[in-house]
């Protein structure tokens, strides 16, 4: 991504002469592992996205990890209005992009729910408690991150012992 924010500076390894910012893969790997450890300890995870290219990845992640997924429009009041039929009380919110998923982020802040977010170099991280630096605009990149998160969460929970026991393929997370 050619645009970058000060918030994401610590995760950038190098900026090419063309202006393309390249992530530090060690930091990306470290953050995926930290996020997986954190998410594995949560009873109720809510994962949300308005990005169509992330719908399949989010749904597959939710199926594997056993959490609730919201794809498409995030209904106002879902986290703040107990009288709504769509109301949920998650322990944590996972979003694919703080810029696009702003409604879910705002609701989580009001409800004091921690937020884990996939953030590209152009994202601002205000109100995000745990940043997972990655390309959050490419369907393959999104699929890969959710695949890795699901695998690492299952390992943390003791559901699988090794990477080889994870029976899912990245393609199962990828939108066509």
Protein backbone atom coordinates (compact mmCIF):
# COMPACT_ATOMS: atom_id res chain seq x y z
CA UNK A 1 0.00 0.00 0.00
CA UNK A 2 1.43 3.36 -0.96
CA UNK A 3 -0.35 5.29 1.78
CA UNK A 4 0.78 4.88 5.36
CA UNK A 5 -0.20 6.35 8.70
CA UNK A 6 1.92 7.17 11.70
CA UNK A 7 -0.10 4.57 13.67
CA UNK A 8 1.25 1.76 11.48
CA UNK A 9 4.86 2.97 11.28
CA UNK A 10 6.17 0.44 13.82
CA UNK A 11 5.01 -2.45 11.62
CA UNK A 12 6.63 -1.21 8.40
CA UNK A 13 9.96 -2.80 7.50
CA UNK A 14 10.79 -0.77 4.42
CA UNK A 15 9.33 1.77 2.03
CA UNK A 16 10.28 1.13 -1.58
CA UNK A 17 11.32 3.99 -3.88
CA UNK A 18 7.87 3.70 -5.49
CA UNK A 19 6.32 4.55 -2.12
CA UNK A 20 5.07 1.03 -1.42
CA UNK A 21 5.29 0.24 2.30
CA UNK A 22 6.34 -3.33 3.12
CA UNK A 23 5.37 -4.94 6.43
CA UNK A 24 7.92 -6.45 8.79
CA UNK A 25 6.96 -10.14 8.54
CA UNK A 26 8.42 -10.93 11.98
CA UNK A 27 6.06 -8.40 13.52
CA UNK A 28 3.12 -9.69 11.48
CA UNK A 29 3.83 -13.26 12.64
CA UNK A 30 4.30 -12.10 16.23
CA UNK A 31 0.98 -10.21 16.23
CA UNK A 32 -0.95 -13.12 14.72
CA UNK A 33 0.39 -15.35 17.52
CA UNK A 34 -0.38 -12.76 20.22
CA UNK A 35 -3.90 -12.28 18.83
CA UNK A 36 -4.46 -16.04 18.69
CA UNK A 37 -3.40 -16.45 22.32
CA UNK A 38 -5.69 -13.63 23.37
CA UNK A 39 -8.67 -14.81 21.30
CA UNK A 40 -8.24 -18.44 22.41
CA UNK A 41 -8.90 -17.36 26.02
CA UNK A 42 -12.19 -15.62 25.14
CA UNK A 43 -15.51 -17.42 25.51
CA UNK A 44 -17.55 -15.22 23.17
CA UNK A 45 -15.82 -13.84 20.07
CA UNK A 46 -17.72 -11.72 17.57
CA UNK A 47 -16.07 -11.34 14.17
CA UNK A 48 -17.47 -8.71 11.83
CA UNK A 49 -16.81 -7.39 8.34
CA UNK A 50 -18.51 -5.23 5.77
CA UNK A 51 -15.96 -6.25 3.12
CA UNK A 52 -17.50 -8.66 0.66
CA UNK A 53 -14.11 -10.18 -0.14
CA UNK A 54 -13.81 -11.20 3.53
CA UNK A 55 -17.26 -12.79 3.97
CA UNK A 56 -16.13 -16.35 3.26
CA UNK A 57 -13.00 -16.06 5.43
CA UNK A 58 -14.98 -14.63 8.35
CA UNK A 59 -17.69 -17.30 8.11
CA UNK A 60 -15.16 -20.15 7.86
CA UNK A 61 -13.17 -18.72 10.79
CA UNK A 62 -16.34 -18.49 12.89
CA UNK A 63 -17.32 -22.06 12.01
CA UNK A 64 -13.91 -23.47 12.97
CA UNK A 65 -13.36 -21.41 16.12
CA UNK A 66 -16.96 -21.56 17.28
CA UNK A 67 -17.86 -17.89 17.36
CA UNK A 68 -20.50 -15.57 15.93
CA UNK A 69 -19.94 -13.86 12.58
CA UNK A 70 -21.59 -10.74 11.20
CA UNK A 71 -21.04 -10.12 7.50
CA UNK A 72 -22.46 -7.13 5.72
CA UNK A 73 -24.22 -4.34 7.53
CA UNK A 74 -23.53 -4.12 11.25
CA UNK A 75 -26.83 -3.24 12.88
CA UNK A 76 -26.71 -0.17 15.13
CA UNK A 77 -27.29 -1.12 18.76
CA UNK A 78 -26.10 -4.71 18.31
CA UNK A 79 -23.57 -4.26 21.14
CA UNK A 80 -25.25 -1.41 23.05
CA UNK A 81 -29.03 -1.93 23.04
CA UNK A 82 -30.20 -5.00 25.02
CA UNK A 83 -33.78 -4.56 23.81
CA UNK A 84 -32.82 -5.42 20.21
CA UNK A 85 -33.29 -9.00 19.02
CA UNK A 86 -29.80 -8.88 17.38
CA UNK A 87 -28.13 -7.80 20.65
CA UNK A 88 -25.00 -9.73 21.62
CA UNK A 89 -22.51 -9.46 24.47
CA UNK A 90 -19.16 -10.70 23.16
CA UNK A 91 -15.95 -10.74 25.18
CA UNK A 92 -14.04 -9.39 22.18
CA UNK A 93 -14.70 -8.01 18.69
CA UNK A 94 -12.52 -8.99 15.72
CA UNK A 95 -12.84 -6.78 12.61
CA UNK A 96 -11.19 -6.84 9.19
CA UNK A 97 -10.71 -3.10 8.74
CA UNK A 98 -11.24 -0.25 11.25
CA UNK A 99 -12.03 2.12 8.38
CA UNK A 100 -14.74 -0.02 6.77
CA UNK A 101 -16.03 -1.63 9.99
CA UNK A 102 -16.34 1.72 11.78
CA UNK A 103 -19.88 1.03 13.04
CA UNK A 104 -18.83 -2.17 14.80
CA UNK A 105 -15.75 -0.40 16.20
CA UNK A 106 -17.85 2.50 17.54
CA UNK A 107 -20.31 0.11 19.17
CA UNK A 108 -17.51 -1.90 20.80
CA UNK A 109 -15.95 1.27 22.22
CA UNK A 110 -19.31 2.33 23.72
CA UNK A 111 -19.85 -1.15 25.17
CA UNK A 112 -16.23 -1.32 26.42
CA UNK A 113 -15.47 -4.45 24.44
CA UNK A 114 -11.84 -4.99 23.40
CA UNK A 115 -11.20 -4.76 19.65
CA UNK A 116 -8.75 -6.80 17.59
CA UNK A 117 -8.38 -5.49 14.03
CA UNK A 118 -6.63 -6.41 10.81
CA UNK A 119 -4.90 -3.16 9.83
CA UNK A 120 -3.12 -2.19 6.63
CA UNK A 121 -0.50 0.56 6.40
CA UNK A 122 -3.17 3.21 5.75
CA UNK A 123 -5.32 2.40 8.81
CA UNK A 124 -5.55 4.52 11.92
CA UNK A 125 -5.55 2.43 15.08
CA UNK A 126 -7.52 4.69 17.41
CA UNK A 127 -9.76 2.54 19.63
CA UNK A 128 -8.12 -0.69 18.42
CA UNK A 129 -6.73 -2.66 21.35
CA UNK A 130 -4.71 -5.18 19.35
CA UNK A 131 -3.49 -4.56 15.81
CA UNK A 132 -2.78 -7.39 13.40
CA UNK A 133 -0.72 -5.71 10.66
CA UNK A 134 -1.54 -7.19 7.25
CA UNK A 135 -2.89 -6.51 3.80
CA UNK A 136 -6.61 -6.22 4.55
CA UNK A 137 -7.63 -5.32 1.01
CA UNK A 138 -6.59 -8.52 -0.79
CA UNK A 139 -8.83 -11.57 -0.64
CA UNK A 140 -5.88 -14.00 -0.52
CA UNK A 141 -4.22 -12.02 2.26
CA UNK A 142 -7.43 -11.88 4.31
CA UNK A 143 -8.01 -15.61 3.78
CA UNK A 144 -4.44 -16.38 4.87
CA UNK A 145 -4.68 -14.30 8.06
CA UNK A 146 -7.99 -15.87 9.11
CA UNK A 147 -6.64 -19.34 8.27
CA UNK A 148 -3.56 -18.71 10.43
CA UNK A 149 -5.65 -17.25 13.27
CA UNK A 150 -8.02 -20.23 13.25
CA UNK A 151 -5.12 -22.71 13.27
CA UNK A 152 -3.25 -20.93 16.06
CA UNK A 153 -6.41 -20.55 18.19
CA UNK A 154 -7.12 -24.29 17.92
CA UNK A 155 -3.51 -25.02 18.93
CA UNK A 156 -3.79 -22.63 21.90
CA UNK A 157 -7.03 -24.27 23.01
CA UNK A 158 -5.48 -27.73 22.73
CA UNK A 159 -7.94 -28.85 20.04
CA UNK A 160 -5.00 -29.71 17.79
CA UNK A 161 -1.36 -30.34 18.71
CA UNK A 162 0.43 -29.44 15.48
CA UNK A 163 0.01 -27.55 12.22
CA UNK A 164 -0.42 -30.88 10.40
CA UNK A 165 -3.56 -31.67 12.38
CA UNK A 166 -5.28 -28.55 11.01
CA UNK A 167 -7.40 -30.07 8.25
CA UNK A 168 -8.44 -26.89 6.45
CA UNK A 169 -6.90 -25.30 3.34
CA UNK A 170 -6.46 -21.57 2.77
CA UNK A 171 -8.66 -21.88 -0.34
CA UNK A 172 -11.60 -22.76 1.92
CA UNK A 173 -11.32 -19.24 3.38
CA UNK A 174 -10.94 -17.42 0.08
CA UNK A 175 -13.77 -15.69 -1.75
CA UNK A 176 -14.03 -16.45 -5.44
